[in-house]
Amino acid sequence: MNEKNSTQLLGVIDRIEDDKIVVININDRNGSIYIKKSAFKFKVYEGMWVRINFSPEPKKEEEMKLQIEQLQKKLLSRKNKK
């Protein structure tokens, strides 16, 4: 991962709602992140501190743009056939 193009946040698990949703309060920020508990590959618990990394995924973004363009073309071709 290119650290220049990433953002790291530090947060604490505030609570786990219905044993399904993990609520993380971001340290030094006014905000929270809600993540499915099943997304974690380790045991999580209230009071646990976690480091969160964000980085762009240009390849995935390009794939999605292509899918959207293909769907638009398909929908437009249907509309023109009517």
C-alpha atoms as a PDB file:
ATOM      1  CA  MET A   1       0.000   0.000   0.000  1.00  0.00           C
ATOM      2  CA  ASN A   2       1.288   3.435  -0.902  1.00  0.00           C
ATOM      3  CA  GLU A   3       1.231   5.346   2.387  1.00  0.00           C
ATOM      4  CA  LYS A   4       1.243   8.644   0.503  1.00  0.00           C
ATOM      5  CA  ASN A   5      -2.189   7.822  -0.937  1.00  0.00           C
ATOM      6  CA  SER A   6      -3.732   6.386   2.212  1.00  0.00           C
ATOM      7  CA  THR A   7      -5.382   7.677   5.341  1.00  0.00           C
ATOM      8  CA  GLN A   8      -5.068   6.050   8.730  1.00  0.00           C
ATOM      9  CA  LEU A   9      -7.502   6.580  11.555  1.00  0.00           C
ATOM     10  CA  LEU A  10      -7.426   5.309  15.098  1.00  0.00           C
ATOM     11  CA  GLY A  11     -10.673   4.362  16.753  1.00  0.00           C
ATOM     12  CA  VAL A  12     -12.199   2.491  19.648  1.00  0.00           C
ATOM     13  CA  ILE A  13     -15.032   0.002  19.454  1.00  0.00           C
ATOM     14  CA  ASP A  14     -17.797   1.746  21.333  1.00  0.00           C
ATOM     15  CA  ARG A  15     -20.389  -1.006  21.102  1.00  0.00           C
ATOM     16  CA  ILE A  16     -21.585  -4.002  19.137  1.00  0.00           C
ATOM     17  CA  GLU A  17     -25.259  -3.719  18.199  1.00  0.00           C
ATOM     18  CA  ASP A  18     -27.330  -6.930  18.139  1.00  0.00           C
ATOM     19  CA  ASP A  19     -24.053  -8.899  17.896  1.00  0.00           C
ATOM     20  CA  LYS A  20     -23.960  -7.849  14.213  1.00  0.00           C
ATOM     21  CA  ILE A  21     -22.832  -4.227  13.821  1.00  0.00           C
ATOM     22  CA  VAL A  22     -19.584  -2.859  15.255  1.00  0.00           C
ATOM     23  CA  VAL A  23     -19.668   0.860  16.056  1.00  0.00           C
ATOM     24  CA  ILE A  24     -16.218   2.458  16.053  1.00  0.00           C
ATOM     25  CA  ASN A  25     -15.738   5.962  17.411  1.00  0.00           C
ATOM     26  CA  ILE A  26     -12.933   7.725  15.592  1.00  0.00           C
ATOM     27  CA  ASN A  27     -10.246   9.192  17.835  1.00  0.00           C
ATOM     28  CA  ASP A  28      -9.805  12.980  17.523  1.00  0.00           C
ATOM     29  CA  ARG A  29     -12.726  13.208  15.057  1.00  0.00           C
ATOM     30  CA  ASN A  30     -16.418  13.776  15.435  1.00  0.00           C
ATOM     31  CA  GLY A  31     -17.696  10.631  13.853  1.00  0.00           C
ATOM     32  CA  SER A  32     -18.336   6.935  13.964  1.00  0.00           C
ATOM     33  CA  ILE A  33     -18.038   4.075  11.533  1.00  0.00           C
ATOM     34  CA  TYR A  34     -20.494   1.184  11.393  1.00  0.00           C
ATOM     35  CA  ILE A  35     -19.128  -2.128  10.096  1.00  0.00           C
ATOM     36  CA  LYS A  36     -20.634  -5.607   9.985  1.00  0.00           C
ATOM     37  CA  LYS A  37     -19.055  -7.774  12.661  1.00  0.00           C
ATOM     38  CA  SER A  38     -18.603 -10.545  10.080  1.00  0.00           C
ATOM     39  CA  ALA A  39     -16.156  -8.290   8.165  1.00  0.00           C
ATOM     40  CA  PHE A  40     -13.527  -8.686  10.881  1.00  0.00           C
ATOM     41  CA  LYS A  41     -11.076 -11.573  10.660  1.00  0.00           C
ATOM     42  CA  PHE A  42     -10.325 -11.358  14.372  1.00  0.00           C
ATOM     43  CA  LYS A  43     -12.367 -11.285  17.551  1.00  0.00           C
ATOM     44  CA  VAL A  44     -13.688  -7.804  18.353  1.00  0.00           C
ATOM     45  CA  TYR A  45     -14.949  -6.476  21.650  1.00  0.00           C
ATOM     46  CA  GLU A  46     -16.093  -3.224  23.224  1.00  0.00           C
ATOM     47  CA  GLY A  47     -13.178  -1.029  24.263  1.00  0.00           C
ATOM     48  CA  MET A  48     -10.804  -2.520  21.667  1.00  0.00           C
ATOM     49  CA  TRP A  49      -8.679   0.023  19.792  1.00  0.00           C
ATOM     50  CA  VAL A  50      -8.313  -0.505  16.054  1.00  0.00           C
ATOM     51  CA  ARG A  51      -6.373   1.144  13.258  1.00  0.00           C
ATOM     52  CA  ILE A  52      -8.375   1.834  10.106  1.00  0.00           C
ATOM     53  CA  ASN A  53      -6.684   2.308   6.733  1.00  0.00           C
ATOM     54  CA  PHE A  54      -8.292   3.909   3.695  1.00  0.00           C
ATOM     55  CA  SER A  55      -6.679   3.951   0.284  1.00  0.00           C
ATOM     56  CA  PRO A  56      -8.012   4.481  -3.233  1.00  0.00           C
ATOM     57  CA  GLU A  57      -8.745   1.512  -5.485  1.00  0.00           C
ATOM     58  CA  PRO A  58      -8.506   2.964  -9.021  1.00  0.00           C
ATOM     59  CA  LYS A  59      -8.648  -0.453 -10.700  1.00  0.00           C
ATOM     60  CA  LYS A  60     -11.944  -1.318  -8.994  1.00  0.00           C
ATOM     61  CA  GLU A  61     -13.283   2.155  -9.764  1.00  0.00           C
ATOM     62  CA  GLU A  62     -12.517   1.691 -13.470  1.00  0.00           C
ATOM     63  CA  GLU A  63     -14.195  -1.744 -13.466  1.00  0.00           C
ATOM     64  CA  MET A  64     -17.357  -0.231 -11.981  1.00  0.00           C
ATOM     65  CA  LYS A  65     -17.385   2.611 -14.515  1.00  0.00           C
ATOM     66  CA  LEU A  66     -17.207   0.082 -17.345  1.00  0.00           C
ATOM     67  CA  GLN A  67     -20.059  -1.952 -15.853  1.00  0.00           C
ATOM     68  CA  ILE A  68     -22.199   1.164 -15.534  1.00  0.00           C
ATOM     69  CA  GLU A  69     -21.468   2.181 -19.139  1.00  0.00           C
ATOM     70  CA  GLN A  70     -22.442  -1.291 -20.361  1.00  0.00           C
ATOM     71  CA  LEU A  71     -25.694  -1.182 -18.399  1.00  0.00           C
ATOM     72  CA  GLN A  72     -26.480   2.285 -19.749  1.00  0.00           C
ATOM     73  CA  LYS A  73     -25.912   1.132 -23.324  1.00  0.00           C
ATOM     74  CA  LYS A  74     -28.099  -1.915 -22.738  1.00  0.00           C
ATOM     75  CA  LEU A  75     -30.906   0.205 -21.269  1.00  0.00           C
ATOM     76  CA  LEU A  76     -30.663   2.781 -24.064  1.00  0.00           C
ATOM     77  CA  SER A  77     -30.805   0.081 -26.721  1.00  0.00           C
ATOM     78  CA  ARG A  78     -33.993  -1.306 -25.111  1.00  0.00           C
ATOM     79  CA  LYS A  79     -35.546   2.164 -25.069  1.00  0.00           C
ATOM     80  CA  ASN A  80     -34.714   2.720 -28.752  1.00  0.00           C
ATOM     81  CA  LYS A  81     -36.343  -0.616 -29.745  1.00  0.00           C
ATOM     82  CA  LYS A  82     -39.761   0.475 -28.385  1.00  0.00           C
END
